[in-house]
Amino acid sequence: MNNNELAFGKKNYMIMLAGIALVVIGYFLMAGGQAENPNEFNPEVFSTVRITIAPTLVLLGFGVVGLSVFYKDKAENN
């Protein structure tokens, strides 16, 4: 490995960016849900999107980022 080579290939970085995008989208979906008046309860806090879908997207995004670290392109081996 030369000193000028990057640690990962272009495909690794593209997979990593996709994973980071999933994490950001997941956190964005988890945001909000607070009541305008703190003395009132807002049932939107317990929506399916905030409790199930968003955390699943975040975990999936972290998994994709981890996969991008271990991914080895067959074309780069030759």
PDB file of N, CA and C in Angstrom:
ATOM      1  N   MET A   1       0.847  -1.185   0.000  1.00  0.00           N
ATOM      2  CA  MET A   1       0.000   0.000   0.000  1.00  0.00           C
ATOM      3  C   MET A   1       0.886   1.239   0.000  1.00  0.00           C
ATOM      4  N   ASN A   2       0.658   2.093  -0.975  1.00  0.00           N
ATOM      5  CA  ASN A   2       1.413   3.340  -1.066  1.00  0.00           C
ATOM      6  C   ASN A   2       0.901   4.345  -0.052  1.00  0.00           C
ATOM      7  N   ASN A   3       1.708   5.327   0.236  1.00  0.00           N
ATOM      8  CA  ASN A   3       1.294   6.378   1.167  1.00  0.00           C
ATOM      9  C   ASN A   3       0.195   7.259   0.585  1.00  0.00           C
ATOM     10  N   ASN A   4       0.043   7.249  -0.753  1.00  0.00           N
ATOM     11  CA  ASN A   4      -0.948   8.094  -1.402  1.00  0.00           C
ATOM     12  C   ASN A   4      -2.330   7.440  -1.498  1.00  0.00           C
ATOM     13  N   GLU A   5      -2.444   6.165  -1.175  1.00  0.00           N
ATOM     14  CA  GLU A   5      -3.725   5.472  -1.274  1.00  0.00           C
ATOM     15  C   GLU A   5      -4.610   5.783  -0.075  1.00  0.00           C
ATOM     16  N   LEU A   6      -5.921   5.830  -0.321  1.00  0.00           N
ATOM     17  CA  LEU A   6      -6.872   6.018   0.762  1.00  0.00           C
ATOM     18  C   LEU A   6      -7.121   4.679   1.454  1.00  0.00           C
ATOM     19  N   ALA A   7      -7.602   4.737   2.667  1.00  0.00           N
ATOM     20  CA  ALA A   7      -7.840   3.513   3.426  1.00  0.00           C
ATOM     21  C   ALA A   7      -8.974   2.699   2.822  1.00  0.00           C
ATOM     22  N   PHE A   8      -9.973   3.373   2.251  1.00  0.00           N
ATOM     23  CA  PHE A   8     -11.120   2.702   1.661  1.00  0.00           C
ATOM     24  C   PHE A   8     -11.249   3.118   0.211  1.00  0.00           C
ATOM     25  N   GLY A   9     -12.005   2.317  -0.532  1.00  0.00           N
ATOM     26  CA  GLY A   9     -12.285   2.648  -1.927  1.00  0.00           C
ATOM     27  C   GLY A   9     -13.502   3.545  -2.045  1.00  0.00           C
ATOM     28  N   LYS A  10     -13.802   3.933  -3.268  1.00  0.00           N
ATOM     29  CA  LYS A  10     -14.932   4.824  -3.514  1.00  0.00           C
ATOM     30  C   LYS A  10     -16.244   4.165  -3.102  1.00  0.00           C
ATOM     31  N   LYS A  11     -16.364   2.878  -3.359  1.00  0.00           N
ATOM     32  CA  LYS A  11     -17.602   2.164  -3.015  1.00  0.00           C
ATOM     33  C   LYS A  11     -17.811   2.140  -1.496  1.00  0.00           C
ATOM     34  N   ASN A  12     -16.736   1.999  -0.732  1.00  0.00           N
ATOM     35  CA  ASN A  12     -16.842   2.022   0.730  1.00  0.00           C
ATOM     36  C   ASN A  12     -17.395   3.356   1.221  1.00  0.00           C
ATOM     37  N   TYR A  13     -16.898   4.437   0.641  1.00  0.00           N
ATOM     38  CA  TYR A  13     -17.361   5.753   1.065  1.00  0.00           C
ATOM     39  C   TYR A  13     -18.808   5.994   0.663  1.00  0.00           C
ATOM     40  N   MET A  14     -19.226   5.457  -0.483  1.00  0.00           N
ATOM     41  CA  MET A  14     -20.619   5.614  -0.902  1.00  0.00           C
ATOM     42  C   MET A  14     -21.549   4.843   0.040  1.00  0.00           C
ATOM     43  N   ILE A  15     -21.146   3.639   0.424  1.00  0.00           N
ATOM     44  CA  ILE A  15     -21.942   2.857   1.371  1.00  0.00           C
ATOM     45  C   ILE A  15     -21.988   3.569   2.721  1.00  0.00           C
ATOM     46  N   MET A  16     -20.856   4.145   3.133  1.00  0.00           N
ATOM     47  CA  MET A  16     -20.801   4.862   4.402  1.00  0.00           C
ATOM     48  C   MET A  16     -21.716   6.087   4.389  1.00  0.00           C
ATOM     49  N   LEU A  17     -21.723   6.818   3.290  1.00  0.00           N
ATOM     50  CA  LEU A  17     -22.608   7.979   3.182  1.00  0.00           C
ATOM     51  C   LEU A  17     -24.078   7.570   3.235  1.00  0.00           C
ATOM     52  N   ALA A  18     -24.413   6.434   2.622  1.00  0.00           N
ATOM     53  CA  ALA A  18     -25.790   5.940   2.682  1.00  0.00           C
ATOM     54  C   ALA A  18     -26.165   5.601   4.125  1.00  0.00           C
ATOM     55  N   GLY A  19     -25.252   4.991   4.866  1.00  0.00           N
ATOM     56  CA  GLY A  19     -25.501   4.675   6.267  1.00  0.00           C
ATOM     57  C   GLY A  19     -25.669   5.918   7.118  1.00  0.00           C
ATOM     58  N   ILE A  20     -24.838   6.913   6.883  1.00  0.00           N
ATOM     59  CA  ILE A  20     -24.943   8.165   7.633  1.00  0.00           C
ATOM     60  C   ILE A  20     -26.266   8.854   7.318  1.00  0.00           C
ATOM     61  N   ALA A  21     -26.688   8.782   6.055  1.00  0.00           N
ATOM     62  CA  ALA A  21     -27.977   9.376   5.680  1.00  0.00           C
ATOM     63  C   ALA A  21     -29.121   8.680   6.412  1.00  0.00           C
ATOM     64  N   LEU A  22     -29.061   7.353   6.545  1.00  0.00           N
ATOM     65  CA  LEU A  22     -30.092   6.618   7.284  1.00  0.00           C
ATOM     66  C   LEU A  22     -30.124   7.046   8.751  1.00  0.00           C
ATOM     67  N   VAL A  23     -28.957   7.228   9.349  1.00  0.00           N
ATOM     68  CA  VAL A  23     -28.892   7.656  10.747  1.00  0.00           C
ATOM     69  C   VAL A  23     -29.504   9.048  10.906  1.00  0.00           C
ATOM     70  N   VAL A  24     -29.165   9.959  10.013  1.00  0.00           N
ATOM     71  CA  VAL A  24     -29.686  11.326  10.092  1.00  0.00           C
ATOM     72  C   VAL A  24     -31.203  11.329   9.900  1.00  0.00           C
ATOM     73  N   ILE A  25     -31.695  10.560   8.938  1.00  0.00           N
ATOM     74  CA  ILE A  25     -33.144  10.487   8.717  1.00  0.00           C
ATOM     75  C   ILE A  25     -33.841   9.903   9.944  1.00  0.00           C
ATOM     76  N   GLY A  26     -33.248   8.889  10.540  1.00  0.00           N
ATOM     77  CA  GLY A  26     -33.833   8.286  11.740  1.00  0.00           C
ATOM     78  C   GLY A  26     -33.917   9.272  12.895  1.00  0.00           C
ATOM     79  N   TYR A  27     -32.845  10.018  13.129  1.00  0.00           N
ATOM     80  CA  TYR A  27     -32.875  11.009  14.209  1.00  0.00           C
ATOM     81  C   TYR A  27     -33.855  12.137  13.894  1.00  0.00           C
ATOM     82  N   PHE A  28     -33.958  12.505  12.620  1.00  0.00           N
ATOM     83  CA  PHE A  28     -34.906  13.537  12.228  1.00  0.00           C
ATOM     84  C   PHE A  28     -36.340  13.083  12.499  1.00  0.00           C
ATOM     85  N   LEU A  29     -36.642  11.813  12.219  1.00  0.00           N
ATOM     86  CA  LEU A  29     -37.985  11.290  12.475  1.00  0.00           C
ATOM     87  C   LEU A  29     -38.287  11.187  13.969  1.00  0.00           C
ATOM     88  N   MET A  30     -37.261  11.007  14.787  1.00  0.00           N
ATOM     89  CA  MET A  30     -37.473  10.927  16.239  1.00  0.00           C
ATOM     90  C   MET A  30     -37.714  12.291  16.870  1.00  0.00           C
ATOM     91  N   ALA A  31     -37.310  13.341  16.210  1.00  0.00           N
ATOM     92  CA  ALA A  31     -37.408  14.684  16.789  1.00  0.00           C
ATOM     93  C   ALA A  31     -38.857  15.141  16.881  1.00  0.00           C
ATOM     94  N   GLY A  32     -39.090  16.059  17.767  1.00  0.00           N
ATOM     95  CA  GLY A  32     -40.405  16.687  17.892  1.00  0.00           C
ATOM     96  C   GLY A  32     -41.334  15.921  18.808  1.00  0.00           C
ATOM     97  N   GLY A  33     -42.606  16.229  18.700  1.00  0.00           N
ATOM     98  CA  GLY A  33     -43.603  15.548  19.510  1.00  0.00           C
ATOM     99  C   GLY A  33     -43.875  16.191  20.843  1.00  0.00           C
ATOM    100  N   GLN A  34     -43.241  17.316  21.115  1.00  0.00           N
ATOM    101  CA  GLN A  34     -43.470  17.955  22.404  1.00  0.00           C
ATOM    102  C   GLN A  34     -44.742  18.787  22.352  1.00  0.00           C
ATOM    103  N   ALA A  35     -45.391  18.927  23.472  1.00  0.00           N
ATOM    104  CA  ALA A  35     -46.626  19.703  23.554  1.00  0.00           C
ATOM    105  C   ALA A  35     -46.297  21.192  23.570  1.00  0.00           C
ATOM    106  N   GLU A  36     -47.185  21.986  23.008  1.00  0.00           N
ATOM    107  CA  GLU A  36     -46.975  23.437  23.036  1.00  0.00           C
ATOM    108  C   GLU A  36     -47.120  23.970  24.453  1.00  0.00           C
ATOM    109  N   ASN A  37     -48.043  23.378  25.191  1.00  0.00           N
ATOM    110  CA  ASN A  37     -48.237  23.748  26.588  1.00  0.00           C
ATOM    111  C   ASN A  37     -47.665  22.622  27.448  1.00  0.00           C
ATOM    112  N   PRO A  38     -46.694  22.898  28.315  1.00  0.00           N
ATOM    113  CA  PRO A  38     -46.083  21.814  29.098  1.00  0.00           C
ATOM    114  C   PRO A  38     -47.041  21.149  30.078  1.00  0.00           C
ATOM    115  N   ASN A  39     -48.191  21.747  30.351  1.00  0.00           N
ATOM    116  CA  ASN A  39     -49.159  21.145  31.266  1.00  0.00           C
ATOM    117  C   ASN A  39     -50.127  20.195  30.561  1.00  0.00           C
ATOM    118  N   GLU A  40     -50.008  20.069  29.240  1.00  0.00           N
ATOM    119  CA  GLU A  40     -50.876  19.176  28.473  1.00  0.00           C
ATOM    120  C   GLU A  40     -50.059  18.018  27.927  1.00  0.00           C
ATOM    121  N   PHE A  41     -50.715  16.861  27.808  1.00  0.00           N
ATOM    122  CA  PHE A  41     -50.062  15.670  27.263  1.00  0.00           C
ATOM    123  C   PHE A  41     -50.278  15.620  25.761  1.00  0.00           C
ATOM    124  N   ASN A  42     -49.222  15.326  25.026  1.00  0.00           N
ATOM    125  CA  ASN A  42     -49.317  15.186  23.579  1.00  0.00           C
ATOM    126  C   ASN A  42     -49.107  13.712  23.229  1.00  0.00           C
ATOM    127  N   PRO A  43     -50.150  13.005  22.774  1.00  0.00           N
ATOM    128  CA  PRO A  43     -49.996  11.578  22.460  1.00  0.00           C
ATOM    129  C   PRO A  43     -49.107  11.317  21.251  1.00  0.00           C
ATOM    130  N   GLU A  44     -48.733  12.350  20.524  1.00  0.00           N
ATOM    131  CA  GLU A  44     -47.860  12.185  19.361  1.00  0.00           C
ATOM    132  C   GLU A  44     -46.466  11.684  19.771  1.00  0.00           C
ATOM    133  N   VAL A  45     -46.126  11.819  21.026  1.00  0.00           N
ATOM    134  CA  VAL A  45     -44.838  11.321  21.526  1.00  0.00           C
ATOM    135  C   VAL A  45     -44.740   9.810  21.327  1.00  0.00           C
ATOM    136  N   PHE A  46     -45.854   9.120  21.435  1.00  0.00           N
ATOM    137  CA  PHE A  46     -45.865   7.667  21.347  1.00  0.00           C
ATOM    138  C   PHE A  46     -46.308   7.165  19.977  1.00  0.00           C
ATOM    139  N   SER A  47     -46.060   7.930  18.923  1.00  0.00           N
ATOM    140  CA  SER A  47     -46.447   7.496  17.586  1.00  0.00           C
ATOM    141  C   SER A  47     -45.542   6.347  17.128  1.00  0.00           C
ATOM    142  N   THR A  48     -46.048   5.583  16.198  1.00  0.00           N
ATOM    143  CA  THR A  48     -45.301   4.435  15.669  1.00  0.00           C
ATOM    144  C   THR A  48     -44.008   4.873  15.005  1.00  0.00           C
ATOM    145  N   VAL A  49     -44.039   6.013  14.366  1.00  0.00           N
ATOM    146  CA  VAL A  49     -42.832   6.503  13.685  1.00  0.00           C
ATOM    147  C   VAL A  49     -41.728   6.785  14.693  1.00  0.00           C
ATOM    148  N   ARG A  50     -42.052   7.424  15.813  1.00  0.00           N
ATOM    149  CA  ARG A  50     -41.027   7.793  16.809  1.00  0.00           C
ATOM    150  C   ARG A  50     -40.558   6.616  17.642  1.00  0.00           C
ATOM    151  N   ILE A  51     -41.427   5.630  17.860  1.00  0.00           N
ATOM    152  CA  ILE A  51     -41.062   4.526  18.750  1.00  0.00           C
ATOM    153  C   ILE A  51     -40.453   3.345  17.999  1.00  0.00           C
ATOM    154  N   THR A  52     -40.896   3.096  16.767  1.00  0.00           N
ATOM    155  CA  THR A  52     -40.472   1.884  16.067  1.00  0.00           C
ATOM    156  C   THR A  52     -39.634   2.175  14.824  1.00  0.00           C
ATOM    157  N   ILE A  53     -40.162   2.981  13.932  1.00  0.00           N
ATOM    158  CA  ILE A  53     -39.520   3.170  12.628  1.00  0.00           C
ATOM    159  C   ILE A  53     -38.210   3.947  12.746  1.00  0.00           C
ATOM    160  N   ALA A  54     -38.216   5.054  13.468  1.00  0.00           N
ATOM    161  CA  ALA A  54     -37.016   5.887  13.569  1.00  0.00           C
ATOM    162  C   ALA A  54     -35.842   5.155  14.237  1.00  0.00           C
ATOM    163  N   PRO A  55     -36.046   4.489  15.389  1.00  0.00           N
ATOM    164  CA  PRO A  55     -34.908   3.761  15.967  1.00  0.00           C
ATOM    165  C   PRO A  55     -34.418   2.617  15.078  1.00  0.00           C
ATOM    166  N   THR A  56     -35.333   1.995  14.346  1.00  0.00           N
ATOM    167  CA  THR A  56     -34.926   0.934  13.425  1.00  0.00           C
ATOM    168  C   THR A  56     -34.056   1.505  12.313  1.00  0.00           C
ATOM    169  N   LEU A  57     -34.416   2.672  11.802  1.00  0.00           N
ATOM    170  CA  LEU A  57     -33.596   3.315  10.778  1.00  0.00           C
ATOM    171  C   LEU A  57     -32.216   3.683  11.312  1.00  0.00           C
ATOM    172  N   VAL A  58     -32.163   4.163  12.539  1.00  0.00           N
ATOM    173  CA  VAL A  58     -30.868   4.530  13.135  1.00  0.00           C
ATOM    174  C   VAL A  58     -29.985   3.295  13.288  1.00  0.00           C
ATOM    175  N   LEU A  59     -30.536   2.225  13.816  1.00  0.00           N
ATOM    176  CA  LEU A  59     -29.748   0.995  13.977  1.00  0.00           C
ATOM    177  C   LEU A  59     -29.329   0.418  12.632  1.00  0.00           C
ATOM    178  N   LEU A  60     -30.223   0.462  11.659  1.00  0.00           N
ATOM    179  CA  LEU A  60     -29.886  -0.002  10.318  1.00  0.00           C
ATOM    180  C   LEU A  60     -28.773   0.852   9.722  1.00  0.00           C
ATOM    181  N   GLY A  61     -28.836   2.164   9.946  1.00  0.00           N
ATOM    182  CA  GLY A  61     -27.790   3.056   9.451  1.00  0.00           C
ATOM    183  C   GLY A  61     -26.436   2.754  10.073  1.00  0.00           C
ATOM    184  N   PHE A  62     -26.414   2.497  11.387  1.00  0.00           N
ATOM    185  CA  PHE A  62     -25.146   2.132  12.029  1.00  0.00           C
ATOM    186  C   PHE A  62     -24.632   0.794  11.498  1.00  0.00           C
ATOM    187  N   GLY A  63     -25.535  -0.120  11.204  1.00  0.00           N
ATOM    188  CA  GLY A  63     -25.128  -1.393  10.615  1.00  0.00           C
ATOM    189  C   GLY A  63     -24.538  -1.213   9.232  1.00  0.00           C
ATOM    190  N   VAL A  64     -25.130  -0.336   8.435  1.00  0.00           N
ATOM    191  CA  VAL A  64     -24.613  -0.072   7.088  1.00  0.00           C
ATOM    192  C   VAL A  64     -23.246   0.597   7.169  1.00  0.00           C
ATOM    193  N   VAL A  65     -23.060   1.506   8.103  1.00  0.00           N
ATOM    194  CA  VAL A  65     -21.743   2.139   8.275  1.00  0.00           C
ATOM    195  C   VAL A  65     -20.710   1.088   8.675  1.00  0.00           C
ATOM    196  N   GLY A  66     -21.084   0.187   9.581  1.00  0.00           N
ATOM    197  CA  GLY A  66     -20.171  -0.898   9.956  1.00  0.00           C
ATOM    198  C   GLY A  66     -19.855  -1.805   8.784  1.00  0.00           C
ATOM    199  N   LEU A  67     -20.859  -2.077   7.968  1.00  0.00           N
ATOM    200  CA  LEU A  67     -20.649  -2.902   6.778  1.00  0.00           C
ATOM    201  C   LEU A  67     -19.687  -2.221   5.813  1.00  0.00           C
ATOM    202  N   SER A  68     -19.777  -0.910   5.705  1.00  0.00           N
ATOM    203  CA  SER A  68     -18.899  -0.193   4.778  1.00  0.00           C
ATOM    204  C   SER A  68     -17.436  -0.297   5.183  1.00  0.00           C
ATOM    205  N   VAL A  69     -17.177  -0.455   6.463  1.00  0.00           N
ATOM    206  CA  VAL A  69     -15.793  -0.595   6.926  1.00  0.00           C
ATOM    207  C   VAL A  69     -15.227  -1.947   6.505  1.00  0.00           C
ATOM    208  N   PHE A  70     -16.054  -2.990   6.551  1.00  0.00           N
ATOM    209  CA  PHE A  70     -15.579  -4.333   6.248  1.00  0.00           C
ATOM    210  C   PHE A  70     -15.750  -4.728   4.788  1.00  0.00           C
ATOM    211  N   TYR A  71     -16.441  -3.921   4.000  1.00  0.00           N
ATOM    212  CA  TYR A  71     -16.692  -4.257   2.604  1.00  0.00           C
ATOM    213  C   TYR A  71     -15.399  -4.187   1.811  1.00  0.00           C
ATOM    214  N   LYS A  72     -15.146  -5.235   1.021  1.00  0.00           N
ATOM    215  CA  LYS A  72     -13.961  -5.262   0.176  1.00  0.00           C
ATOM    216  C   LYS A  72     -14.418  -5.523  -1.247  1.00  0.00           C
ATOM    217  N   ASP A  73     -14.160  -4.574  -2.132  1.00  0.00           N
ATOM    218  CA  ASP A  73     -14.588  -4.681  -3.506  1.00  0.00           C
ATOM    219  C   ASP A  73     -13.712  -5.695  -4.240  1.00  0.00           C
ATOM    220  N   LYS A  74     -14.342  -6.582  -4.980  1.00  0.00           N
ATOM    221  CA  LYS A  74     -13.596  -7.608  -5.715  1.00  0.00           C
ATOM    222  C   LYS A  74     -12.776  -6.996  -6.830  1.00  0.00           C
ATOM    223  N   ALA A  75     -13.236  -5.911  -7.428  1.00  0.00           N
ATOM    224  CA  ALA A  75     -12.517  -5.267  -8.527  1.00  0.00           C
ATOM    225  C   ALA A  75     -11.215  -4.610  -8.044  1.00  0.00           C
ATOM    226  N   GLU A  76     -11.179  -4.186  -6.787  1.00  0.00           N
ATOM    227  CA  GLU A  76      -9.976  -3.535  -6.266  1.00  0.00           C
ATOM    228  C   GLU A  76      -8.874  -4.545  -5.931  1.00  0.00           C
ATOM    229  N   ASN A  77      -9.250  -5.812  -5.757  1.00  0.00           N
ATOM    230  CA  ASN A  77      -8.251  -6.820  -5.426  1.00  0.00           C
ATOM    231  C   ASN A  77      -7.330  -7.113  -6.592  1.00  0.00           C
ATOM    232  N   ASN A  78      -7.806  -6.932  -7.811  1.00  0.00           N
ATOM    233  CA  ASN A  78      -7.010  -7.277  -8.989  1.00  0.00           C
ATOM    234  C   ASN A  78      -6.146  -6.146  -9.445  1.00  0.00           C
TER     235      ASN A  78
END
